[in-house]
Each structure stands twice: as structure tokens, then as C-alpha cells.
N, C-alpha and C. Protein backbone atom coordinates (compact mmCIF):
# COMPACT_ATOMS: atom_id res chain seq x y z
N MET A 1 -22.61 0.93 18.04
CA MET A 1 -22.61 0.35 16.20
C MET A 1 -20.92 1.04 15.76
N ASN A 2 -20.22 -0.09 15.56
CA ASN A 2 -19.36 -0.15 15.40
C ASN A 2 -19.10 0.52 13.41
N MET A 3 -18.15 1.29 12.92
CA MET A 3 -18.04 1.87 11.88
C MET A 3 -17.90 0.92 10.49
N ILE A 4 -18.21 -0.01 10.17
CA ILE A 4 -18.17 -0.89 9.75
C ILE A 4 -20.07 -1.08 9.31
N GLU A 5 -20.80 -1.60 11.02
CA GLU A 5 -21.87 -1.59 10.49
C GLU A 5 -22.32 -0.15 10.15
N THR A 6 -21.77 0.97 11.18
CA THR A 6 -22.18 2.48 10.18
C THR A 6 -22.19 2.05 8.86
N ILE A 7 -21.24 2.16 7.92
CA ILE A 7 -21.00 2.16 6.62
C ILE A 7 -22.10 0.98 6.21
N ARG A 8 -22.51 -0.04 6.57
CA ARG A 8 -23.48 -0.86 5.68
C ARG A 8 -25.07 -0.11 5.81
N THR A 9 -25.26 0.59 7.27
CA THR A 9 -26.45 1.62 6.97
C THR A 9 -26.48 2.20 6.11
N PHE A 10 -25.23 3.20 5.33
CA PHE A 10 -25.36 4.13 4.56
C PHE A 10 -25.29 3.13 3.32
N VAL A 11 -24.97 2.13 2.72
CA VAL A 11 -24.71 1.19 1.78
C VAL A 11 -26.27 0.76 1.53
N LEU A 12 -26.88 0.04 2.29
CA LEU A 12 -28.56 -0.19 2.12
C LEU A 12 -29.01 0.66 2.02
N HIS A 13 -29.38 1.91 1.97
CA HIS A 13 -30.19 2.98 2.66
C HIS A 13 -30.81 3.41 1.17
N SER A 14 -32.44 3.40 1.29
CA SER A 14 -33.11 3.34 -0.36
C SER A 14 -34.01 4.58 -0.04
N PRO A 15 -33.46 5.49 -0.77
CA PRO A 15 -32.82 5.67 -2.22
C PRO A 15 -31.41 5.69 -1.66
N PHE A 16 -29.99 5.26 -2.11
CA PHE A 16 -28.96 5.35 -1.93
C PHE A 16 -28.66 6.83 -2.06
N CYS A 17 -27.73 7.26 -1.01
CA CYS A 17 -26.95 8.76 -1.59
C CYS A 17 -25.33 8.15 -1.33
N PRO A 18 -25.03 8.74 -2.12
CA PRO A 18 -23.66 8.89 -1.98
C PRO A 18 -23.17 9.64 -1.08
N PHE A 19 -21.34 8.93 -0.33
CA PHE A 19 -21.13 9.28 1.06
C PHE A 19 -19.80 9.23 1.17
N GLY A 20 -19.17 9.87 2.22
CA GLY A 20 -17.64 9.34 2.22
C GLY A 20 -17.26 8.84 3.37
N ILE A 21 -16.23 8.35 3.35
CA ILE A 21 -15.63 7.87 4.51
C ILE A 21 -13.97 8.15 5.04
N CYS A 22 -14.25 8.88 5.99
CA CYS A 22 -13.28 10.16 6.46
C CYS A 22 -12.58 9.46 7.53
N LEU A 23 -11.00 9.23 7.18
CA LEU A 23 -9.87 8.65 7.56
C LEU A 23 -9.40 9.23 8.78
N SER A 24 -8.77 8.84 9.45
CA SER A 24 -7.87 9.17 10.64
C SER A 24 -6.28 10.07 10.35
N ASP A 25 -5.83 10.09 9.08
CA ASP A 25 -5.14 10.49 8.11
C ASP A 25 -5.45 12.08 7.34
N GLY A 26 -7.14 11.98 8.18
CA GLY A 26 -7.60 13.82 7.46
C GLY A 26 -8.05 13.69 5.83
N ALA A 27 -7.93 11.82 4.73
CA ALA A 27 -8.53 11.81 3.77
C ALA A 27 -9.76 11.27 3.72
N SER A 28 -10.26 11.79 2.32
CA SER A 28 -11.81 11.06 2.17
C SER A 28 -11.71 10.28 1.26
N ILE A 29 -12.64 9.40 1.18
CA ILE A 29 -12.89 8.57 0.38
C ILE A 29 -14.06 7.85 -0.10
N PRO A 30 -14.34 8.88 -1.31
CA PRO A 30 -15.81 8.67 -1.62
C PRO A 30 -16.28 7.70 -2.27
N VAL A 31 -17.45 7.64 -2.07
CA VAL A 31 -18.36 5.58 -2.30
C VAL A 31 -19.59 6.56 -2.50
N ARG A 32 -19.38 6.05 -4.52
CA ARG A 32 -20.25 7.06 -5.39
C ARG A 32 -21.78 5.80 -5.41
N HIS A 33 -21.20 4.91 -5.42
CA HIS A 33 -22.76 3.79 -6.04
C HIS A 33 -22.25 2.77 -4.90
N PRO A 34 -23.32 2.03 -4.18
CA PRO A 34 -23.43 1.18 -3.48
C PRO A 34 -22.56 -0.15 -4.31
N GLU A 35 -22.43 -0.26 -5.54
CA GLU A 35 -21.51 -1.63 -6.34
C GLU A 35 -19.85 -1.11 -5.88
N MET A 36 -19.66 -0.26 -5.34
CA MET A 36 -18.31 0.27 -5.36
C MET A 36 -17.29 0.12 -3.88
N ILE A 37 -18.04 -0.32 -3.31
CA ILE A 37 -18.00 -1.02 -1.85
C ILE A 37 -18.15 -2.32 -1.73
N ALA A 38 -16.90 -3.27 -0.97
CA ALA A 38 -17.43 -4.23 -0.12
C ALA A 38 -16.99 -4.78 1.40
N LEU A 39 -17.70 -4.77 1.61
CA LEU A 39 -17.61 -4.88 3.39
C LEU A 39 -17.69 -6.47 4.17
N ASP A 40 -16.61 -6.85 4.92
CA ASP A 40 -16.84 -7.99 5.33
C ASP A 40 -17.73 -8.51 6.50
N PRO A 41 -18.36 -9.42 6.16
CA PRO A 41 -19.21 -9.93 7.01
C PRO A 41 -19.38 -9.95 8.80
N ASN A 42 -17.87 -9.88 8.93
CA ASN A 42 -17.47 -9.95 10.30
C ASN A 42 -17.04 -8.69 10.47
N GLY A 43 -16.98 -7.58 9.50
CA GLY A 43 -16.86 -6.09 10.61
C GLY A 43 -15.27 -5.89 10.33
N ARG A 44 -14.43 -6.39 9.78
CA ARG A 44 -12.85 -6.10 10.10
C ARG A 44 -12.47 -5.78 8.83
N SER A 45 -13.14 -5.30 7.87
CA SER A 45 -12.53 -3.96 6.97
C SER A 45 -13.51 -4.14 5.72
N ALA A 46 -13.12 -3.41 4.93
CA ALA A 46 -14.13 -2.73 4.05
C ALA A 46 -13.27 -2.34 2.98
N ILE A 47 -13.74 -2.70 1.68
CA ILE A 47 -12.68 -2.11 0.17
C ILE A 47 -13.67 -1.43 -0.52
N VAL A 48 -12.79 -0.21 -0.88
CA VAL A 48 -13.62 0.89 -1.83
C VAL A 48 -12.87 0.77 -3.01
N TYR A 49 -13.77 0.71 -3.79
CA TYR A 49 -13.42 0.68 -5.55
C TYR A 49 -13.35 1.66 -5.62
N ARG A 50 -12.04 2.31 -6.83
CA ARG A 50 -12.18 3.76 -7.36
C ARG A 50 -12.99 3.44 -8.55
N ASP A 51 -13.19 4.86 -9.44
CA ASP A 51 -13.34 4.71 -10.76
C ASP A 51 -12.61 4.14 -12.17
N ASP A 52 -11.32 4.59 -11.51
CA ASP A 52 -10.44 3.53 -12.45
C ASP A 52 -9.74 2.48 -12.04
N GLY A 53 -10.65 1.89 -11.45
CA GLY A 53 -10.35 0.28 -11.31
C GLY A 53 -9.58 -0.03 -9.89
N SER A 54 -8.52 0.95 -9.29
CA SER A 54 -7.81 0.65 -8.25
C SER A 54 -9.35 0.21 -6.96
N PHE A 55 -8.30 0.14 -5.94
CA PHE A 55 -9.13 -0.17 -4.55
C PHE A 55 -8.61 0.03 -3.29
N GLN A 56 -8.76 0.06 -2.14
CA GLN A 56 -8.42 0.56 -1.41
C GLN A 56 -9.33 -0.32 0.22
N ILE A 57 -8.13 -1.15 0.57
CA ILE A 57 -8.56 -1.63 1.77
C ILE A 57 -8.46 -0.89 3.01
N LEU A 58 -9.51 -0.36 3.90
CA LEU A 58 -9.99 -0.05 5.25
C LEU A 58 -9.91 -0.82 5.85
N ASN A 59 -9.03 -0.70 7.37
CA ASN A 59 -9.54 -1.26 8.41
C ASN A 59 -10.31 -0.07 9.35
N PRO A 60 -11.07 -0.57 9.79
CA PRO A 60 -12.59 0.00 10.75
C PRO A 60 -11.97 1.40 11.83
N GLN A 61 -10.19 0.46 12.20
CA GLN A 61 -9.75 1.64 13.14
C GLN A 61 -9.26 3.07 12.78
N GLN A 62 -9.28 2.67 11.30
CA GLN A 62 -8.99 4.14 10.49
C GLN A 62 -9.89 4.92 10.23
N ILE A 63 -11.13 4.34 10.70
CA ILE A 63 -12.10 4.78 9.96
C ILE A 63 -12.92 6.34 11.46
N THR A 64 -13.10 7.62 10.77
CA THR A 64 -13.27 8.40 12.03
C THR A 64 -14.94 9.17 11.97
N ARG A 65 -15.22 8.81 10.61
CA ARG A 65 -16.82 8.92 10.12
C ARG A 65 -16.96 8.70 9.23
N VAL A 66 -18.22 8.87 8.99
CA VAL A 66 -19.17 8.54 7.32
C VAL A 66 -20.05 9.47 7.34
N GLU A 67 -19.97 10.19 5.96
CA GLU A 67 -21.27 11.26 5.58
C GLU A 67 -21.59 11.65 4.58
N VAL A 68 -22.76 11.92 4.50
CA VAL A 68 -23.11 11.96 2.86
C VAL A 68 -22.64 13.18 2.28
N THR A 69 -22.62 12.98 0.75
CA THR A 69 -21.70 14.15 0.20
C THR A 69 -22.60 14.71 -0.56
N VAL A 70 -22.30 15.86 -1.20
CA VAL A 70 -23.10 16.83 -1.79
C VAL A 70 -22.17 16.64 -3.04
N ASN A 71 -22.99 16.53 -4.24
CA ASN A 71 -22.19 16.42 -5.36
C ASN A 71 -21.34 15.69 -5.56
N ALA A 72 -21.38 14.05 -4.94
CA ALA A 72 -20.27 13.23 -5.60
C ALA A 72 -20.39 12.89 -6.54
């Protein structure tokens, strides 16, 4: 399973649990609600929206793991 499909599994989980996307540079991008992420249907990218309205486009090659977060 590629990372975008792993993220899709987290997004579709019911009930939704906030999670973080960990990147190869050590950053962790929080996903607090399923509405805050858009996934390319072909698995080529993910767009994560931040609380301030900005967003980050992620390449699956940047993603090292996805993990449930506590108190997100």
C-alpha cells in the first residue's frame, strides 16, 4: 500500500481520529479533520489545509509515516 492509500484509510476511518503525516525532513503535518485534506485520485499528491487557510502540497515520496495523534 502506498502512502496516499494509507492516508486515505486514515481519512475514511469512522469515527475519524486526528493524525499526523511525518515527512522525510522531520516535520509532522497535522490533519485534525477529514475536510482538511485532499488526495489525488491517482495517488500522486496530497494537499493539507491549515487552520490559517494556507495549505501544503505533499509528494508521497516525502512521506515517511502516518500516525494517530493525541490531543490534536
